[in-house]
């Protein structure tokens, strides 16, 4: 019997290893097979602040028109949910089903109940108005973090100058009270998201084109501040694999180490925010300019 040559054996081994690597390698994209970006609705002025309820419906803001709009995950339709809305910007649902909102008209934080009654949670810090709460995230025990950059609004009746001595990151304890500054070294903090276990917080410094990761302490303070990536973000979200989604020029995805995975282009000048929606939480819901978009992914949102 003639034995195969060493060259043939080497080629066979290489081919076998290549096939194994191809079978075990992760998909080249996070998008579901065959999925394409879909415009779900348009005709708004500037879409922002999306948050999904327990059923996967999304509540997002159209700040120039002073309204919160509800997108129905079953019928793929939109309807005004709250108008006026305190010029709501970033939002987040708490575990009781209340929608918390950065109410920019009076520079406050609101809790909006399911029957649409608003309660002011924060109206100032240190006896002075906030600059303009922009985005927030609620950790598992109910404590919340929010960013307070300055973006001058034409509808403000207040002095448009900066009210605080800088643009800071704040923490509000679960029992409420006075918000505490937990990072004062940011240039212009904006997007924010935390991990479901309440251990890690990501905060985007849009003014400095950076995003940082922190370790969350029980008292609300933050430690181990580390540069996560050299990119800022308007809004942020996380998927179940720990990947971080940043917005601006489309949606850019980073793995948990800060390595860029891919970018999903969006046909708008600016992509403002993003969340996971739908019954199965695998629809990447994107607010951008005058429209909202959806993209089916092979991963689900973090819960």
C-alpha atoms as a PDB file:
ATOM      1  CA  UNK A   1       0.000   0.000   0.000  1.00  0.00           C
ATOM      2  CA  UNK A   2       1.348   3.389  -1.004  1.00  0.00           C
ATOM      3  CA  UNK A   3       1.472   5.871   1.898  1.00  0.00           C
ATOM      4  CA  UNK A   4       0.444   9.498   1.293  1.00  0.00           C
ATOM      5  CA  UNK A   5       3.253  12.015   1.076  1.00  0.00           C
ATOM      6  CA  UNK A   6       4.012  14.404   3.921  1.00  0.00           C
ATOM      7  CA  UNK A   7       2.876  17.294   1.702  1.00  0.00           C
ATOM      8  CA  UNK A   8      -0.519  15.690   1.139  1.00  0.00           C
ATOM      9  CA  UNK A   9      -0.877  15.020   4.883  1.00  0.00           C
ATOM     10  CA  UNK A  10       0.010  18.618   5.658  1.00  0.00           C
ATOM     11  CA  UNK A  11      -2.569  19.946   3.187  1.00  0.00           C
ATOM     12  CA  UNK A  12      -5.230  17.628   4.592  1.00  0.00           C
ATOM     13  CA  UNK A  13      -4.458  18.694   8.152  1.00  0.00           C
ATOM     14  CA  UNK A  14      -4.581  22.373   7.199  1.00  0.00           C
ATOM     15  CA  UNK A  15      -7.925  21.891   5.446  1.00  0.00           C
ATOM     16  CA  UNK A  16      -9.350  20.024   8.442  1.00  0.00           C
ATOM     17  CA  UNK A  17      -8.220  22.739  10.855  1.00  0.00           C
ATOM     18  CA  UNK A  18      -9.671  25.441   8.591  1.00  0.00           C
ATOM     19  CA  UNK A  19     -13.027  23.674   8.432  1.00  0.00           C
ATOM     20  CA  UNK A  20     -13.064  23.255  12.219  1.00  0.00           C
ATOM     21  CA  UNK A  21     -12.222  26.919  12.723  1.00  0.00           C
ATOM     22  CA  UNK A  22     -14.967  27.946  10.323  1.00  0.00           C
ATOM     23  CA  UNK A  23     -17.500  25.787  12.157  1.00  0.00           C
ATOM     24  CA  UNK A  24     -16.519  27.089  15.603  1.00  0.00           C
ATOM     25  CA  UNK A  25     -15.988  30.753  14.687  1.00  0.00           C
ATOM     26  CA  UNK A  26     -18.726  33.178  15.744  1.00  0.00           C
ATOM     27  CA  UNK A  27     -20.901  34.789  13.051  1.00  0.00           C
ATOM     28  CA  UNK A  28     -19.244  37.679  11.231  1.00  0.00           C
ATOM     29  CA  UNK A  29     -22.053  40.042  12.239  1.00  0.00           C
ATOM     30  CA  UNK A  30     -24.395  40.458  15.170  1.00  0.00           C
ATOM     31  CA  UNK A  31     -27.296  40.932  12.785  1.00  0.00           C
ATOM     32  CA  UNK A  32     -29.690  38.021  12.340  1.00  0.00           C
ATOM     33  CA  UNK A  33     -29.295  36.088   9.072  1.00  0.00           C
ATOM     34  CA  UNK A  34     -30.805  38.105   6.241  1.00  0.00           C
ATOM     35  CA  UNK A  35     -31.789  41.004   8.514  1.00  0.00           C
ATOM     36  CA  UNK A  36     -31.723  44.539   7.136  1.00  0.00           C
ATOM     37  CA  UNK A  37     -32.229  47.913   8.779  1.00  0.00           C
ATOM     38  CA  UNK A  38     -35.896  48.893   8.564  1.00  0.00           C
ATOM     39  CA  UNK A  39     -37.393  52.330   9.056  1.00  0.00           C
ATOM     40  CA  UNK A  40     -40.295  51.773  11.450  1.00  0.00           C
ATOM     41  CA  UNK A  41     -41.775  55.274  11.406  1.00  0.00           C
ATOM     42  CA  UNK A  42     -40.874  58.833  10.466  1.00  0.00           C
ATOM     43  CA  UNK A  43     -42.244  62.376  10.643  1.00  0.00           C
ATOM     44  CA  UNK A  44     -40.854  63.327  14.070  1.00  0.00           C
ATOM     45  CA  UNK A  45     -38.583  66.292  14.795  1.00  0.00           C
ATOM     46  CA  UNK A  46     -35.805  64.628  16.808  1.00  0.00           C
ATOM     47  CA  UNK A  47     -36.168  61.146  18.308  1.00  0.00           C
ATOM     48  CA  UNK A  48     -34.354  60.231  21.530  1.00  0.00           C
ATOM     49  CA  UNK A  49     -34.515  58.345  24.827  1.00  0.00           C
ATOM     50  CA  UNK A  50     -36.018  54.916  23.928  1.00  0.00           C
ATOM     51  CA  UNK A  51     -36.962  52.465  26.694  1.00  0.00           C
ATOM     52  CA  UNK A  52     -38.769  49.138  26.322  1.00  0.00           C
ATOM     53  CA  UNK A  53     -41.503  48.000  28.708  1.00  0.00           C
ATOM     54  CA  UNK A  54     -42.043  44.411  29.873  1.00  0.00           C
ATOM     55  CA  UNK A  55     -43.822  43.527  26.628  1.00  0.00           C
ATOM     56  CA  UNK A  56     -41.153  44.974  24.386  1.00  0.00           C
ATOM     57  CA  UNK A  57     -43.066  48.117  23.416  1.00  0.00           C
ATOM     58  CA  UNK A  58     -40.866  51.191  23.241  1.00  0.00           C
ATOM     59  CA  UNK A  59     -41.450  54.657  24.693  1.00  0.00           C
ATOM     60  CA  UNK A  60     -39.252  57.281  23.054  1.00  0.00           C
ATOM     61  CA  UNK A  61     -39.087  61.058  23.140  1.00  0.00           C
ATOM     62  CA  UNK A  62     -39.582  63.727  20.495  1.00  0.00           C
ATOM     63  CA  UNK A  63     -38.180  66.591  22.527  1.00  0.00           C
ATOM     64  CA  UNK A  64     -38.808  69.522  20.118  1.00  0.00           C
ATOM     65  CA  UNK A  65     -42.494  68.533  20.097  1.00  0.00           C
ATOM     66  CA  UNK A  66     -42.556  67.998  23.884  1.00  0.00           C
ATOM     67  CA  UNK A  67     -43.938  64.457  23.766  1.00  0.00           C
ATOM     68  CA  UNK A  68     -43.272  60.848  24.640  1.00  0.00           C
ATOM     69  CA  UNK A  69     -44.321  58.484  21.862  1.00  0.00           C
ATOM     70  CA  UNK A  70     -45.210  54.807  22.236  1.00  0.00           C
ATOM     71  CA  UNK A  71     -44.212  52.268  19.579  1.00  0.00           C
ATOM     72  CA  UNK A  72     -46.329  49.107  19.668  1.00  0.00           C
ATOM     73  CA  UNK A  73     -44.206  45.988  19.124  1.00  0.00           C
ATOM     74  CA  UNK A  74     -47.161  43.943  17.869  1.00  0.00           C
ATOM     75  CA  UNK A  75     -48.743  46.342  15.399  1.00  0.00           C
ATOM     76  CA  UNK A  76     -45.615  48.356  14.547  1.00  0.00           C
ATOM     77  CA  UNK A  77     -47.550  51.594  15.049  1.00  0.00           C
ATOM     78  CA  UNK A  78     -46.807  54.761  17.009  1.00  0.00           C
ATOM     79  CA  UNK A  79     -49.041  56.994  19.110  1.00  0.00           C
ATOM     80  CA  UNK A  80     -48.530  59.900  21.487  1.00  0.00           C
ATOM     81  CA  UNK A  81     -48.360  58.619  25.060  1.00  0.00           C
ATOM     82  CA  UNK A  82     -47.678  61.824  27.004  1.00  0.00           C
ATOM     83  CA  UNK A  83     -47.879  65.396  25.723  1.00  0.00           C
ATOM     84  CA  UNK A  84     -46.646  67.696  27.127  1.00  0.00           C
ATOM     85  CA  UNK A  85     -43.851  65.665  28.678  1.00  0.00           C
ATOM     86  CA  UNK A  86     -41.644  68.200  30.441  1.00  0.00           C
ATOM     87  CA  UNK A  87     -39.413  68.157  27.350  1.00  0.00           C
ATOM     88  CA  UNK A  88     -38.377  64.629  28.241  1.00  0.00           C
ATOM     89  CA  UNK A  89     -35.071  63.378  26.872  1.00  0.00           C
ATOM     90  CA  UNK A  90     -33.485  60.156  28.199  1.00  0.00           C
ATOM     91  CA  UNK A  91     -35.808  57.613  29.853  1.00  0.00           C
ATOM     92  CA  UNK A  92     -35.601  54.302  31.722  1.00  0.00           C
ATOM     93  CA  UNK A  93     -38.199  51.950  33.218  1.00  0.00           C
ATOM     94  CA  UNK A  94     -37.940  50.976  36.885  1.00  0.00           C
ATOM     95  CA  UNK A  95     -38.985  47.553  38.173  1.00  0.00           C
ATOM     96  CA  UNK A  96     -42.435  48.831  39.126  1.00  0.00           C
ATOM     97  CA  UNK A  97     -43.198  49.829  35.547  1.00  0.00           C
ATOM     98  CA  UNK A  98     -42.774  53.563  36.082  1.00  0.00           C
ATOM     99  CA  UNK A  99     -41.010  55.508  33.350  1.00  0.00           C
ATOM    100  CA  UNK A 100     -38.264  57.756  34.703  1.00  0.00           C
ATOM    101  CA  UNK A 101     -37.408  60.684  32.485  1.00  0.00           C
ATOM    102  CA  UNK A 102     -34.877  63.474  32.247  1.00  0.00           C
ATOM    103  CA  UNK A 103     -37.383  66.348  32.072  1.00  0.00           C
ATOM    104  CA  UNK A 104     -35.275  69.043  30.485  1.00  0.00           C
ATOM    105  CA  UNK A 105     -37.835  71.864  30.484  1.00  0.00           C
ATOM    106  CA  UNK A 106     -37.260  72.584  34.186  1.00  0.00           C
ATOM    107  CA  UNK A 107     -33.994  70.588  34.470  1.00  0.00           C
ATOM    108  CA  UNK A 108     -35.570  67.882  36.599  1.00  0.00           C
ATOM    109  CA  UNK A 109     -35.852  64.119  36.945  1.00  0.00           C
ATOM    110  CA  UNK A 110     -39.406  62.741  36.780  1.00  0.00           C
ATOM    111  CA  UNK A 111     -41.049  59.453  37.646  1.00  0.00           C
ATOM    112  CA  UNK A 112     -44.091  58.905  35.429  1.00  0.00           C
ATOM    113  CA  UNK A 113     -46.556  56.255  36.625  1.00  0.00           C
ATOM    114  CA  UNK A 114     -48.503  53.936  34.346  1.00  0.00           C
ATOM    115  CA  UNK A 115     -51.494  56.299  34.649  1.00  0.00           C
ATOM    116  CA  UNK A 116     -49.237  59.120  33.365  1.00  0.00           C
ATOM    117  CA  UNK A 117     -48.926  61.048  36.615  1.00  0.00           C
ATOM    118  CA  UNK A 118     -45.524  62.708  36.997  1.00  0.00           C
ATOM    119  CA  UNK A 119     -43.630  63.062  40.279  1.00  0.00           C
ATOM    120  CA  UNK A 120     -40.515  65.244  40.505  1.00  0.00           C
ATOM    121  CA  UNK A 121     -37.665  63.183  41.967  1.00  0.00           C
ATOM    122  CA  UNK A 122     -34.877  65.747  41.569  1.00  0.00           C
ATOM    123  CA  UNK A 123     -35.290  69.486  41.030  1.00  0.00           C
ATOM    124  CA  UNK A 124     -31.793  70.744  41.853  1.00  0.00           C
ATOM    125  CA  UNK A 125     -28.373  69.839  43.244  1.00  0.00           C
ATOM    126  CA  UNK A 126     -26.678  71.804  45.967  1.00  0.00           C
ATOM    127  CA  UNK A 127     -29.488  74.364  45.896  1.00  0.00           C
ATOM    128  CA  UNK A 128     -28.888  75.174  42.219  1.00  0.00           C
ATOM    129  CA  UNK A 129     -30.661  74.050  39.076  1.00  0.00           C
ATOM    130  CA  UNK A 130     -29.082  71.205  37.196  1.00  0.00           C
ATOM    131  CA  UNK A 131     -27.576  72.024  33.807  1.00  0.00           C
ATOM    132  CA  UNK A 132     -30.009  69.711  32.044  1.00  0.00           C
ATOM    133  CA  UNK A 133     -30.292  65.999  32.968  1.00  0.00           C
ATOM    134  CA  UNK A 134     -29.755  64.049  29.759  1.00  0.00           C
ATOM    135  CA  UNK A 135     -29.679  60.282  30.283  1.00  0.00           C
ATOM    136  CA  UNK A 136     -30.085  57.832  33.165  1.00  0.00           C
ATOM    137  CA  UNK A 137     -29.752  54.221  34.220  1.00  0.00           C
ATOM    138  CA  UNK A 138     -31.369  52.467  37.200  1.00  0.00           C
ATOM    139  CA  UNK A 139     -29.414  49.754  39.008  1.00  0.00           C
ATOM    140  CA  UNK A 140     -31.157  46.644  40.406  1.00  0.00           C
ATOM    141  CA  UNK A 141     -31.786  48.096  43.887  1.00  0.00           C
ATOM    142  CA  UNK A 142     -33.445  51.243  42.523  1.00  0.00           C
ATOM    143  CA  UNK A 143     -30.527  53.628  42.847  1.00  0.00           C
ATOM    144  CA  UNK A 144     -30.034  55.650  39.699  1.00  0.00           C
ATOM    145  CA  UNK A 145     -27.222  57.372  37.878  1.00  0.00           C
ATOM    146  CA  UNK A 146     -27.750  60.320  35.551  1.00  0.00           C
ATOM    147  CA  UNK A 147     -25.639  62.610  33.412  1.00  0.00           C
ATOM    148  CA  UNK A 148     -25.966  66.396  33.532  1.00  0.00           C
ATOM    149  CA  UNK A 149     -24.345  68.064  30.508  1.00  0.00           C
ATOM    150  CA  UNK A 150     -25.191  71.528  29.229  1.00  0.00           C
ATOM    151  CA  UNK A 151     -27.041  71.846  25.922  1.00  0.00           C
ATOM    152  CA  UNK A 152     -28.699  75.248  25.746  1.00  0.00           C
ATOM    153  CA  UNK A 153     -32.385  74.959  24.855  1.00  0.00           C
ATOM    154  CA  UNK A 154     -34.455  77.626  23.079  1.00  0.00           C
ATOM    155  CA  UNK A 155     -37.460  76.912  25.307  1.00  0.00           C
ATOM    156  CA  UNK A 156     -35.691  77.580  28.624  1.00  0.00           C
ATOM    157  CA  UNK A 157     -37.048  80.456  30.681  1.00  0.00           C
ATOM    158  CA  UNK A 158     -34.022  80.246  32.995  1.00  0.00           C
ATOM    159  CA  UNK A 159     -30.590  81.765  32.536  1.00  0.00           C
ATOM    160  CA  UNK A 160     -29.100  79.533  29.792  1.00  0.00           C
ATOM    161  CA  UNK A 161     -25.626  79.680  31.349  1.00  0.00           C
ATOM    162  CA  UNK A 162     -24.236  76.665  33.183  1.00  0.00           C
ATOM    163  CA  UNK A 163     -25.957  76.345  36.559  1.00  0.00           C
ATOM    164  CA  UNK A 164     -23.506  73.946  38.202  1.00  0.00           C
ATOM    165  CA  UNK A 165     -19.712  74.365  38.351  1.00  0.00           C
ATOM    166  CA  UNK A 166     -19.215  71.688  35.722  1.00  0.00           C
ATOM    167  CA  UNK A 167     -20.902  68.902  33.789  1.00  0.00           C
ATOM    168  CA  UNK A 168     -21.046  65.953  36.145  1.00  0.00           C
ATOM    169  CA  UNK A 169     -22.272  62.423  36.753  1.00  0.00           C
ATOM    170  CA  UNK A 170     -24.711  61.959  39.670  1.00  0.00           C
ATOM    171  CA  UNK A 171     -26.135  59.169  41.824  1.00  0.00           C
ATOM    172  CA  UNK A 172     -29.556  59.237  43.502  1.00  0.00           C
ATOM    173  CA  UNK A 173     -30.046  56.646  46.295  1.00  0.00           C
ATOM    174  CA  UNK A 174     -32.984  54.208  46.116  1.00  0.00           C
ATOM    175  CA  UNK A 175     -34.782  56.087  48.887  1.00  0.00           C
ATOM    176  CA  UNK A 176     -34.406  59.389  47.023  1.00  0.00           C
ATOM    177  CA  UNK A 177     -33.053  62.541  48.575  1.00  0.00           C
ATOM    178  CA  UNK A 178     -30.145  64.632  47.376  1.00  0.00           C
ATOM    179  CA  UNK A 179     -28.180  63.505  44.302  1.00  0.00           C
ATOM    180  CA  UNK A 180     -24.445  63.043  44.893  1.00  0.00           C
ATOM    181  CA  UNK A 181     -21.714  63.740  42.388  1.00  0.00           C
ATOM    182  CA  UNK A 182     -19.805  60.558  41.573  1.00  0.00           C
ATOM    183  CA  UNK A 183     -17.544  61.853  38.791  1.00  0.00           C
ATOM    184  CA  UNK A 184     -16.611  65.500  38.318  1.00  0.00           C
ATOM    185  CA  UNK A 185     -13.797  64.941  35.802  1.00  0.00           C
ATOM    186  CA  UNK A 186     -15.929  64.552  32.679  1.00  0.00           C
ATOM    187  CA  UNK A 187     -16.067  67.190  29.962  1.00  0.00           C
ATOM    188  CA  UNK A 188     -19.607  66.564  28.720  1.00  0.00           C
ATOM    189  CA  UNK A 189     -21.160  63.295  29.970  1.00  0.00           C
ATOM    190  CA  UNK A 190     -24.069  61.973  27.959  1.00  0.00           C
ATOM    191  CA  UNK A 191     -24.968  58.313  27.293  1.00  0.00           C
ATOM    192  CA  UNK A 192     -25.046  55.886  30.209  1.00  0.00           C
ATOM    193  CA  UNK A 193     -25.807  52.187  30.779  1.00  0.00           C
ATOM    194  CA  UNK A 194     -25.041  49.579  33.439  1.00  0.00           C
ATOM    195  CA  UNK A 195     -24.826  45.803  33.562  1.00  0.00           C
ATOM    196  CA  UNK A 196     -27.835  43.827  34.872  1.00  0.00           C
ATOM    197  CA  UNK A 197     -25.842  42.574  37.869  1.00  0.00           C
ATOM    198  CA  UNK A 198     -25.299  46.157  38.999  1.00  0.00           C
ATOM    199  CA  UNK A 199     -21.517  45.769  39.002  1.00  0.00           C
ATOM    200  CA  UNK A 200     -20.329  47.847  36.044  1.00  0.00           C
ATOM    201  CA  UNK A 201     -21.345  51.277  34.763  1.00  0.00           C
ATOM    202  CA  UNK A 202     -20.485  52.691  31.337  1.00  0.00           C
ATOM    203  CA  UNK A 203     -20.574  56.449  30.807  1.00  0.00           C
ATOM    204  CA  UNK A 204     -19.871  58.274  27.560  1.00  0.00           C
ATOM    205  CA  UNK A 205     -18.054  61.602  27.615  1.00  0.00           C
ATOM    206  CA  UNK A 206     -19.373  62.908  24.315  1.00  0.00           C
ATOM    207  CA  UNK A 207     -17.464  66.169  24.662  1.00  0.00           C
ATOM    208  CA  UNK A 208     -14.149  64.318  24.907  1.00  0.00           C
ATOM    209  CA  UNK A 209     -14.908  61.430  22.507  1.00  0.00           C
ATOM    210  CA  UNK A 210     -14.377  58.783  25.192  1.00  0.00           C
ATOM    211  CA  UNK A 211     -16.371  56.172  27.087  1.00  0.00           C
ATOM    212  CA  UNK A 212     -15.411  54.979  30.565  1.00  0.00           C
ATOM    213  CA  UNK A 213     -16.173  51.885  32.619  1.00  0.00           C
ATOM    214  CA  UNK A 214     -16.528  51.995  36.426  1.00  0.00           C
ATOM    215  CA  UNK A 215     -16.978  49.498  39.218  1.00  0.00           C
ATOM    216  CA  UNK A 216     -20.171  50.264  41.154  1.00  0.00           C
ATOM    217  CA  UNK A 217     -20.025  50.305  44.955  1.00  0.00           C
ATOM    218  CA  UNK A 218     -23.023  49.593  47.244  1.00  0.00           C
ATOM    219  CA  UNK A 219     -23.135  53.212  48.474  1.00  0.00           C
ATOM    220  CA  UNK A 220     -23.354  54.481  44.902  1.00  0.00           C
ATOM    221  CA  UNK A 221     -19.766  55.626  44.597  1.00  0.00           C
ATOM    222  CA  UNK A 222     -17.669  54.508  41.643  1.00  0.00           C
ATOM    223  CA  UNK A 223     -14.168  53.028  41.596  1.00  0.00           C
ATOM    224  CA  UNK A 224     -11.665  51.631  39.065  1.00  0.00           C
ATOM    225  CA  UNK A 225     -12.459  54.232  36.403  1.00  0.00           C
ATOM    226  CA  UNK A 226     -11.010  52.914  33.154  1.00  0.00           C
ATOM    227  CA  UNK A 227     -11.037  54.127  29.579  1.00  0.00           C
ATOM    228  CA  UNK A 228     -13.292  51.711  27.713  1.00  0.00           C
ATOM    229  CA  UNK A 229     -12.933  53.110  24.193  1.00  0.00           C
ATOM    230  CA  UNK A 230     -11.924  56.232  22.281  1.00  0.00           C
ATOM    231  CA  UNK A 231     -15.459  57.136  21.280  1.00  0.00           C
ATOM    232  CA  UNK A 232     -18.212  59.153  22.906  1.00  0.00           C
ATOM    233  CA  UNK A 233     -21.907  58.369  22.587  1.00  0.00           C
ATOM    234  CA  UNK A 234     -25.283  60.048  22.752  1.00  0.00           C
ATOM    235  CA  UNK A 235     -27.111  56.915  23.928  1.00  0.00           C
ATOM    236  CA  UNK A 236     -26.038  53.394  24.890  1.00  0.00           C
ATOM    237  CA  UNK A 237     -27.277  49.868  25.468  1.00  0.00           C
ATOM    238  CA  UNK A 238     -25.969  46.363  26.211  1.00  0.00           C
ATOM    239  CA  UNK A 239     -26.710  42.935  24.804  1.00  0.00           C
ATOM    240  CA  UNK A 240     -26.816  39.586  26.618  1.00  0.00           C
ATOM    241  CA  UNK A 241     -23.225  38.809  25.567  1.00  0.00           C
ATOM    242  CA  UNK A 242     -21.914  41.949  27.269  1.00  0.00           C
ATOM    243  CA  UNK A 243     -21.359  43.929  24.078  1.00  0.00           C
ATOM    244  CA  UNK A 244     -21.776  47.695  24.353  1.00  0.00           C
ATOM    245  CA  UNK A 245     -23.668  49.671  21.682  1.00  0.00           C
ATOM    246  CA  UNK A 246     -22.719  53.320  21.150  1.00  0.00           C
ATOM    247  CA  UNK A 247     -24.430  55.884  18.925  1.00  0.00           C
ATOM    248  CA  UNK A 248     -23.494  58.888  16.829  1.00  0.00           C
ATOM    249  CA  UNK A 249     -22.491  57.890  13.317  1.00  0.00           C
ATOM    250  CA  UNK A 250     -24.820  54.923  13.159  1.00  0.00           C
ATOM    251  CA  UNK A 251     -24.497  52.293  15.901  1.00  0.00           C
ATOM    252  CA  UNK A 252     -21.012  51.045  16.781  1.00  0.00           C
ATOM    253  CA  UNK A 253     -20.634  47.856  18.826  1.00  0.00           C
ATOM    254  CA  UNK A 254     -17.746  47.022  21.171  1.00  0.00           C
ATOM    255  CA  UNK A 255     -17.132  43.819  23.085  1.00  0.00           C
ATOM    256  CA  UNK A 256     -16.694  43.916  26.858  1.00  0.00           C
ATOM    257  CA  UNK A 257     -12.919  44.495  26.488  1.00  0.00           C
ATOM    258  CA  UNK A 258     -13.437  47.649  24.412  1.00  0.00           C
ATOM    259  CA  UNK A 259     -12.615  46.035  21.058  1.00  0.00           C
ATOM    260  CA  UNK A 260     -14.745  47.334  18.198  1.00  0.00           C
ATOM    261  CA  UNK A 261     -16.821  44.592  16.583  1.00  0.00           C
ATOM    262  CA  UNK A 262     -18.781  46.386  13.891  1.00  0.00           C
ATOM    263  CA  UNK A 263     -20.786  49.425  12.861  1.00  0.00           C
ATOM    264  CA  UNK A 264     -24.404  49.469  11.703  1.00  0.00           C
ATOM    265  CA  UNK A 265     -24.876  52.489   9.395  1.00  0.00           C
ATOM    266  CA  UNK A 266     -28.081  54.508   9.765  1.00  0.00           C
ATOM    267  CA  UNK A 267     -29.194  56.859   6.948  1.00  0.00           C
ATOM    268  CA  UNK A 268     -29.499  59.939   9.161  1.00  0.00           C
ATOM    269  CA  UNK A 269     -27.051  62.757  10.017  1.00  0.00           C
ATOM    270  CA  UNK A 270     -27.049  61.690  13.679  1.00  0.00           C
ATOM    271  CA  UNK A 271     -28.039  58.531  15.528  1.00  0.00           C
ATOM    272  CA  UNK A 272     -29.160  59.563  19.002  1.00  0.00           C
ATOM    273  CA  UNK A 273     -30.018  56.464  21.006  1.00  0.00           C
ATOM    274  CA  UNK A 274     -30.686  52.746  21.011  1.00  0.00           C
ATOM    275  CA  UNK A 275     -32.344  49.970  23.025  1.00  0.00           C
ATOM    276  CA  UNK A 276     -33.533  46.372  22.632  1.00  0.00           C
ATOM    277  CA  UNK A 277     -37.216  45.873  21.892  1.00  0.00           C
ATOM    278  CA  UNK A 278     -39.850  43.391  20.784  1.00  0.00           C
ATOM    279  CA  UNK A 279     -41.286  40.345  22.530  1.00  0.00           C
ATOM    280  CA  UNK A 280     -37.999  38.437  22.245  1.00  0.00           C
ATOM    281  CA  UNK A 281     -35.800  41.494  22.932  1.00  0.00           C
ATOM    282  CA  UNK A 282     -33.769  40.896  19.780  1.00  0.00           C
ATOM    283  CA  UNK A 283     -34.857  43.974  17.835  1.00  0.00           C
ATOM    284  CA  UNK A 284     -32.274  46.735  17.969  1.00  0.00           C
ATOM    285  CA  UNK A 285     -34.499  49.827  18.200  1.00  0.00           C
ATOM    286  CA  UNK A 286     -32.762  52.983  16.994  1.00  0.00           C
ATOM    287  CA  UNK A 287     -33.787  56.637  17.335  1.00  0.00           C
ATOM    288  CA  UNK A 288     -32.180  58.823  14.685  1.00  0.00           C
ATOM    289  CA  UNK A 289     -33.187  62.257  13.456  1.00  0.00           C
ATOM    290  CA  UNK A 290     -36.801  62.376  12.290  1.00  0.00           C
ATOM    291  CA  UNK A 291     -37.229  58.589  12.298  1.00  0.00           C
ATOM    292  CA  UNK A 292     -37.036  55.357  14.252  1.00  0.00           C
ATOM    293  CA  UNK A 293     -35.411  52.200  12.899  1.00  0.00           C
ATOM    294  CA  UNK A 294     -35.228  48.513  13.737  1.00  0.00           C
ATOM    295  CA  UNK A 295     -32.668  45.783  13.021  1.00  0.00           C
ATOM    296  CA  UNK A 296     -33.100  42.139  13.998  1.00  0.00           C
ATOM    297  CA  UNK A 297     -30.067  40.707  15.756  1.00  0.00           C
ATOM    298  CA  UNK A 298     -28.940  37.180  16.602  1.00  0.00           C
ATOM    299  CA  UNK A 299     -28.428  38.324  20.213  1.00  0.00           C
ATOM    300  CA  UNK A 300     -30.895  39.621  22.793  1.00  0.00           C
ATOM    301  CA  UNK A 301     -30.646  42.671  24.970  1.00  0.00           C
ATOM    302  CA  UNK A 302     -29.199  42.410  28.450  1.00  0.00           C
ATOM    303  CA  UNK A 303     -31.845  41.895  31.135  1.00  0.00           C
END
